[in-house]
Amino acid sequence: MHMLTSTSCDSGMDCFKLVLSQLPIPVTIAGFEDGQAYYMNSQAVSLFRLTPGSALSCNVIDFYMDPTRRQKFMVKLERSGVVEGFEIECKDGDGSRFWAMLSSKRLEYEGKDAIISTFTDITQRKRLEQELLYTSQHDPLTGAYNRGFFVTSLEMEIARARRYGEDLSMLMLDVDRFKSVNDEHGHLIGDKVLEWLVSTVRPSLRQMDVLCRIGGEEFVVLLPETGLEGAHKVAHRILCSFAESAFEDRKVSLKITVSIGVSTLGAADDADSFFRRTDDALLEAKRSGRNCVVHR
């Protein structure tokens, strides 16, 4: 490891290091196989929050949050000898995470097979991308996925179910007599009821299930790898969750119920027919007295 501050050089290698030391971007040189750091300029030491002492013994592989990204990077580098604009999530010497864009080239350094890399901190850009992605996929009131995400997910889950011969079920939920909640208590309470509904439904779902608000007080749940019996169990768990709790907000206490329609993907179904059948089941549940589960 070399940390150069001199402004003069006596050899080609010294001049090379001097140039790197004066660059305004972080630069590292590390062993091709083992990742052992041979050189880091002061900008790299600062980026990774190292001290000159700890930089002497660091390994660039330890900068990767996801080791599989390092493997993908090495495959690209071995194939062409150069990698440009490779994004990685890093961790610094304090264990904090940040995102960097890495550009690297394979070279010989003091007789050793090595990699020279430059790093650009893109944490702010990645944060903005994640915020925009979240906004594009989620309902701003409840935090559930939105209708657009549901439409895309439905097509994808149908294709996956067909490909692997798996079941796929759908629940459609509607808050019973929601208009009266808005009329009697105002839309602010109505909004809070919808937020509460999502927090009440989620514990009954798996991580792989997809909860979406598709409009007003109407929600859909996609249940991958779930047949009719399993979907019924989920629906009844949800009903029990509402029966065992109440919405509370200051002086307002409400018992909320939901009607649920259930259907399972059939051999002849496309997205439209699958959705319509689930919607029909929900309408039948509401006609049957509400606070119940009906399947089609």
Protein backbone atom coordinates (compact mmCIF):
# COMPACT_ATOMS: atom_id res chain seq x y z
CA MET A 1 0.00 0.00 0.00
CA HIS A 2 1.32 3.42 -0.90
CA MET A 3 0.07 6.84 0.17
CA LEU A 4 1.93 9.48 -1.86
CA THR A 5 2.07 13.16 -0.99
CA SER A 6 5.28 14.10 -2.78
CA THR A 7 5.06 16.47 -5.72
CA SER A 8 8.08 14.99 -7.53
CA CYS A 9 8.97 11.53 -8.85
CA ASP A 10 12.12 9.65 -9.71
CA SER A 11 10.72 6.76 -11.78
CA GLY A 12 7.84 5.85 -14.03
CA MET A 13 6.07 4.04 -11.18
CA ASP A 14 6.58 6.98 -8.84
CA CYS A 15 5.12 9.33 -11.43
CA PHE A 16 2.15 6.98 -11.90
CA LYS A 17 1.46 7.01 -8.16
CA LEU A 18 1.90 10.75 -8.01
CA VAL A 19 -0.71 11.23 -10.70
CA LEU A 20 -3.15 8.95 -8.84
CA SER A 21 -2.54 10.81 -5.59
CA GLN A 22 -3.48 14.11 -7.22
CA LEU A 23 -6.71 12.87 -8.84
CA PRO A 24 -9.93 14.31 -7.33
CA ILE A 25 -11.67 10.90 -7.43
CA PRO A 26 -11.14 7.83 -5.23
CA VAL A 27 -8.70 5.31 -6.74
CA THR A 28 -7.64 1.88 -5.48
CA ILE A 29 -5.26 -0.76 -6.78
CA ALA A 30 -5.80 -4.25 -5.42
CA GLY A 31 -4.76 -7.83 -6.08
CA PHE A 32 -6.72 -9.50 -8.85
CA GLU A 33 -7.23 -12.77 -7.03
CA ASP A 34 -7.27 -11.93 -3.33
CA GLY A 35 -8.43 -8.29 -3.31
CA GLN A 36 -5.59 -7.16 -1.07
CA ALA A 37 -5.17 -3.37 -1.35
CA TYR A 38 -1.82 -2.28 -2.81
CA TYR A 39 -2.60 1.41 -3.17
CA MET A 40 -5.35 3.87 -2.18
CA ASN A 41 -5.23 7.58 -2.78
CA SER A 42 -6.41 9.96 -0.07
CA GLN A 43 -9.82 10.34 -1.71
CA ALA A 44 -10.39 6.57 -1.49
CA VAL A 45 -9.25 6.52 2.15
CA SER A 46 -11.78 9.27 2.86
CA LEU A 47 -14.61 7.61 0.90
CA PHE A 48 -14.25 4.36 2.82
CA ARG A 49 -13.65 6.14 6.13
CA LEU A 50 -10.32 4.49 6.74
CA THR A 51 -7.24 5.68 8.56
CA PRO A 52 -3.87 5.39 6.84
CA GLY A 53 -3.06 2.59 9.29
CA SER A 54 -6.20 0.57 8.60
CA ALA A 55 -5.90 1.22 4.84
CA LEU A 56 -2.56 -0.63 4.87
CA SER A 57 -4.30 -3.88 5.80
CA CYS A 58 -7.72 -3.59 4.13
CA ASN A 59 -9.15 -5.87 1.46
CA VAL A 60 -11.38 -4.38 -1.22
CA ILE A 61 -13.59 -7.47 -1.20
CA ASP A 62 -14.73 -6.36 2.25
CA PHE A 63 -16.18 -3.21 0.68
CA TYR A 64 -18.96 -5.24 -1.01
CA MET A 65 -22.25 -5.61 0.87
CA ASP A 66 -23.27 -8.42 -1.50
CA PRO A 67 -20.50 -10.92 -2.31
CA THR A 68 -22.41 -12.08 -5.39
CA ARG A 69 -21.93 -8.62 -6.91
CA ARG A 70 -18.17 -9.08 -6.54
CA GLN A 71 -18.47 -12.40 -8.38
CA LYS A 72 -20.42 -10.77 -11.25
CA PHE A 73 -17.86 -7.97 -11.39
CA MET A 74 -14.98 -10.47 -11.63
CA VAL A 75 -16.70 -12.40 -14.42
CA LYS A 76 -17.04 -9.19 -16.44
CA LEU A 77 -13.44 -8.18 -15.72
CA GLU A 78 -12.01 -11.56 -16.66
CA ARG A 79 -13.97 -11.53 -19.89
CA SER A 80 -12.85 -8.13 -21.21
CA GLY A 81 -10.23 -6.77 -18.84
CA VAL A 82 -12.29 -3.59 -18.34
CA VAL A 83 -15.52 -2.85 -16.44
CA GLU A 84 -17.26 0.52 -16.62
CA GLY A 85 -20.16 1.90 -14.59
CA PHE A 86 -20.65 -1.15 -12.36
CA GLU A 87 -22.95 -0.29 -9.42
CA ILE A 88 -22.28 -1.80 -6.01
CA GLU A 89 -23.57 -1.27 -2.50
CA CYS A 90 -20.55 -0.74 -0.29
CA LYS A 91 -19.78 -0.63 3.40
CA ASP A 92 -17.12 1.63 4.80
CA GLY A 93 -14.72 1.20 7.69
CA ASP A 94 -17.47 2.20 10.16
CA GLY A 95 -19.90 -0.35 8.71
CA SER A 96 -22.11 2.31 7.09
CA ARG A 97 -23.64 1.54 3.70
CA PHE A 98 -23.41 3.62 0.57
CA TRP A 99 -23.73 3.12 -3.18
CA ALA A 100 -20.82 3.55 -5.59
CA MET A 101 -20.29 3.28 -9.33
CA LEU A 102 -17.12 1.35 -10.04
CA SER A 103 -14.95 1.47 -13.16
CA SER A 104 -11.98 -0.89 -13.28
CA LYS A 105 -9.17 -2.18 -15.46
CA ARG A 106 -6.89 -5.17 -15.06
CA LEU A 107 -3.19 -4.30 -15.07
CA GLU A 108 0.22 -5.31 -13.80
CA TYR A 109 1.30 -3.39 -10.70
CA GLU A 110 4.83 -3.85 -9.37
CA GLY A 111 4.95 -7.28 -10.98
CA LYS A 112 1.56 -8.37 -9.62
CA ASP A 113 -1.73 -9.13 -11.35
CA ALA A 114 -3.94 -6.29 -10.14
CA ILE A 115 -7.08 -4.19 -10.62
CA ILE A 116 -7.14 -0.41 -10.70
CA SER A 117 -10.54 1.05 -9.84
CA THR A 118 -12.20 4.43 -9.55
CA PHE A 119 -15.27 4.99 -7.38
CA THR A 120 -18.08 7.53 -7.66
CA ASP A 121 -20.46 7.92 -4.72
CA ILE A 122 -24.01 7.59 -6.14
CA THR A 123 -25.85 7.19 -2.84
CA GLN A 124 -28.02 10.26 -3.37
CA ARG A 125 -28.96 9.17 -6.88
CA LYS A 126 -29.86 5.65 -5.72
CA ARG A 127 -31.94 7.05 -2.87
CA LEU A 128 -33.86 9.23 -5.33
CA GLU A 129 -34.36 6.27 -7.69
CA GLN A 130 -35.71 4.16 -4.82
CA GLU A 131 -38.06 6.95 -3.73
CA LEU A 132 -39.36 7.37 -7.29
CA LEU A 133 -39.81 3.62 -7.66
CA TYR A 134 -41.70 3.42 -4.37
CA THR A 135 -43.93 6.32 -5.36
CA SER A 136 -44.70 4.76 -8.74
CA GLN A 137 -45.72 1.43 -7.17
CA HIS A 138 -47.48 2.36 -3.93
CA ASP A 139 -50.70 4.01 -2.85
CA PRO A 140 -49.69 7.24 -1.07
CA LEU A 141 -52.39 6.94 1.62
CA THR A 142 -52.16 3.34 2.79
CA GLY A 143 -48.72 2.21 1.63
CA ALA A 144 -50.28 -0.79 -0.13
CA TYR A 145 -49.31 -1.37 -3.76
CA ASN A 146 -51.32 0.66 -6.26
CA ARG A 147 -53.54 -0.37 -9.15
CA GLY A 148 -50.78 -0.08 -11.75
CA PHE A 149 -48.55 -2.40 -9.77
CA PHE A 150 -51.47 -4.83 -9.38
CA VAL A 151 -52.10 -4.98 -13.14
CA THR A 152 -48.43 -5.72 -13.81
CA SER A 153 -48.17 -8.24 -10.97
CA LEU A 154 -51.33 -10.07 -12.04
CA GLU A 155 -49.96 -10.68 -15.53
CA MET A 156 -46.60 -11.81 -14.13
CA GLU A 157 -48.10 -14.13 -11.53
CA ILE A 158 -50.43 -15.73 -14.08
CA ALA A 159 -47.47 -16.35 -16.39
CA ARG A 160 -45.43 -17.81 -13.52
CA ALA A 161 -48.29 -20.04 -12.39
CA ARG A 162 -48.69 -21.38 -15.94
CA ARG A 163 -44.96 -21.94 -16.36
CA TYR A 164 -44.48 -23.90 -13.17
CA GLY A 165 -47.90 -25.50 -12.87
CA GLU A 166 -48.69 -23.73 -9.60
CA ASP A 167 -51.93 -22.46 -8.11
CA LEU A 168 -52.74 -18.76 -7.94
CA SER A 169 -55.60 -17.25 -5.97
CA MET A 170 -57.01 -13.78 -5.57
CA LEU A 171 -58.93 -12.06 -2.78
CA MET A 172 -60.94 -8.90 -3.30
CA LEU A 173 -61.85 -6.95 -0.14
CA ASP A 174 -64.31 -4.10 0.28
CA VAL A 175 -65.01 -2.15 3.49
CA ASP A 176 -68.64 -2.64 4.44
CA ARG A 177 -70.75 0.54 4.55
CA PHE A 178 -67.69 2.72 4.10
CA LYS A 179 -69.83 5.62 2.80
CA SER A 180 -71.51 5.88 6.19
CA VAL A 181 -68.08 6.15 7.87
CA ASN A 182 -67.23 9.14 5.68
CA ASP A 183 -70.70 10.67 6.07
CA GLU A 184 -70.82 10.36 9.87
CA HIS A 185 -67.19 10.97 10.79
CA GLY A 186 -65.66 12.80 7.85
CA HIS A 187 -63.14 11.86 5.18
CA LEU A 188 -60.15 12.27 7.48
CA ILE A 189 -61.44 9.44 9.66
CA GLY A 190 -62.30 7.52 6.50
CA ASP A 191 -58.70 7.83 5.33
CA LYS A 192 -57.43 6.66 8.71
CA VAL A 193 -59.75 3.64 8.54
CA LEU A 194 -58.19 2.65 5.22
CA GLU A 195 -54.69 2.97 6.69
CA TRP A 196 -55.78 0.88 9.66
CA LEU A 197 -57.32 -1.70 7.33
CA VAL A 198 -53.97 -2.32 5.63
CA SER A 199 -52.18 -2.72 8.97
CA THR A 200 -54.90 -5.16 10.06
CA VAL A 201 -54.75 -7.27 6.89
CA ARG A 202 -50.97 -7.54 6.54
CA PRO A 203 -50.30 -9.90 9.51
CA SER A 204 -52.52 -12.51 7.81
CA LEU A 205 -50.38 -12.48 4.66
CA ARG A 206 -47.03 -13.94 3.70
CA GLN A 207 -44.14 -11.89 2.40
CA MET A 208 -44.77 -13.20 -1.11
CA ASP A 209 -48.43 -12.12 -1.13
CA VAL A 210 -49.28 -8.86 -2.90
CA LEU A 211 -51.70 -6.43 -1.23
CA CYS A 212 -52.97 -3.63 -3.50
CA ARG A 213 -55.44 -0.79 -3.19
CA ILE A 214 -57.22 -0.64 -6.53
CA GLY A 215 -59.65 2.17 -5.77
CA GLY A 216 -61.62 3.80 -2.97
CA GLU A 217 -62.17 1.26 -0.21
CA GLU A 218 -61.45 -1.74 -2.47
CA PHE A 219 -58.35 -3.89 -2.10
CA VAL A 220 -56.99 -6.97 -3.86
CA VAL A 221 -54.59 -9.62 -2.56
CA LEU A 222 -52.69 -11.93 -4.92
CA LEU A 223 -51.81 -15.25 -3.30
CA PRO A 224 -49.12 -17.09 -5.31
CA GLU A 225 -48.81 -20.86 -4.89
CA THR A 226 -52.19 -20.95 -3.13
CA GLY A 227 -55.23 -23.01 -4.04
CA LEU A 228 -58.87 -22.40 -3.12
CA GLU A 229 -58.65 -24.04 0.31
CA GLY A 230 -55.61 -22.01 1.27
CA ALA A 231 -57.19 -18.80 -0.04
CA HIS A 232 -60.29 -19.44 2.07
CA LYS A 233 -58.12 -19.85 5.16
CA VAL A 234 -56.42 -16.53 4.49
CA ALA A 235 -59.77 -14.80 3.92
CA HIS A 236 -61.23 -16.14 7.16
CA ARG A 237 -58.09 -15.12 9.07
CA ILE A 238 -58.65 -11.61 7.77
CA LEU A 239 -62.29 -11.64 8.87
CA CYS A 240 -61.22 -12.81 12.32
CA SER A 241 -58.67 -10.02 12.53
CA PHE A 242 -61.42 -7.44 12.05
CA ALA A 243 -63.76 -9.24 14.46
CA GLU A 244 -61.08 -9.20 17.18
CA SER A 245 -60.14 -5.51 16.81
CA ALA A 246 -61.68 -2.09 16.38
CA PHE A 247 -60.59 1.14 14.78
CA GLU A 248 -59.75 3.73 17.45
CA ASP A 249 -58.98 7.40 16.94
CA ARG A 250 -59.41 9.73 19.92
CA LYS A 251 -63.16 9.75 20.60
CA VAL A 252 -64.03 7.61 17.57
CA SER A 253 -64.33 3.84 18.01
CA LEU A 254 -65.63 1.80 15.09
CA LYS A 255 -66.20 -1.88 14.45
CA ILE A 256 -65.21 -2.36 10.83
CA THR A 257 -66.13 -5.36 8.74
CA VAL A 258 -65.16 -6.36 5.22
CA SER A 259 -66.66 -8.50 2.49
CA ILE A 260 -64.28 -10.78 0.61
CA GLY A 261 -64.50 -12.41 -2.79
CA VAL A 262 -62.21 -15.37 -3.54
CA SER A 263 -61.26 -17.11 -6.75
CA THR A 264 -58.52 -19.38 -8.04
CA LEU A 265 -56.96 -19.18 -11.50
CA GLY A 266 -58.63 -21.56 -13.91
CA ALA A 267 -57.17 -23.27 -16.96
CA ALA A 268 -59.06 -21.01 -19.37
CA ASP A 269 -58.55 -17.79 -17.43
CA ASP A 270 -56.76 -14.69 -18.58
CA ALA A 271 -56.17 -11.65 -16.34
CA ASP A 272 -59.55 -10.09 -17.18
CA SER A 273 -61.68 -13.18 -16.58
CA PHE A 274 -59.79 -13.99 -13.36
CA PHE A 275 -60.32 -10.47 -12.06
CA ARG A 276 -64.01 -10.34 -13.10
CA ARG A 277 -64.78 -13.62 -11.36
CA THR A 278 -63.19 -12.40 -8.13
CA ASP A 279 -65.13 -9.15 -8.41
CA ASP A 280 -68.36 -11.11 -8.92
CA ALA A 281 -67.59 -13.12 -5.80
CA LEU A 282 -67.13 -9.88 -3.84
CA LEU A 283 -70.47 -8.50 -5.10
CA GLU A 284 -72.16 -11.72 -4.05
CA ALA A 285 -70.57 -11.47 -0.59
CA LYS A 286 -71.99 -7.96 -0.20
CA ARG A 287 -75.42 -9.08 -1.41
CA SER A 288 -75.29 -11.99 1.03
CA GLY A 289 -75.21 -9.70 4.05
CA ARG A 290 -71.58 -8.52 4.10
CA ASN A 291 -68.86 -9.54 6.57
CA CYS A 292 -68.47 -12.88 4.82
CA VAL A 293 -66.40 -14.79 2.26
CA VAL A 294 -67.75 -15.99 -1.09
CA HIS A 295 -65.82 -17.84 -3.78
CA ARG A 296 -66.43 -18.22 -7.49
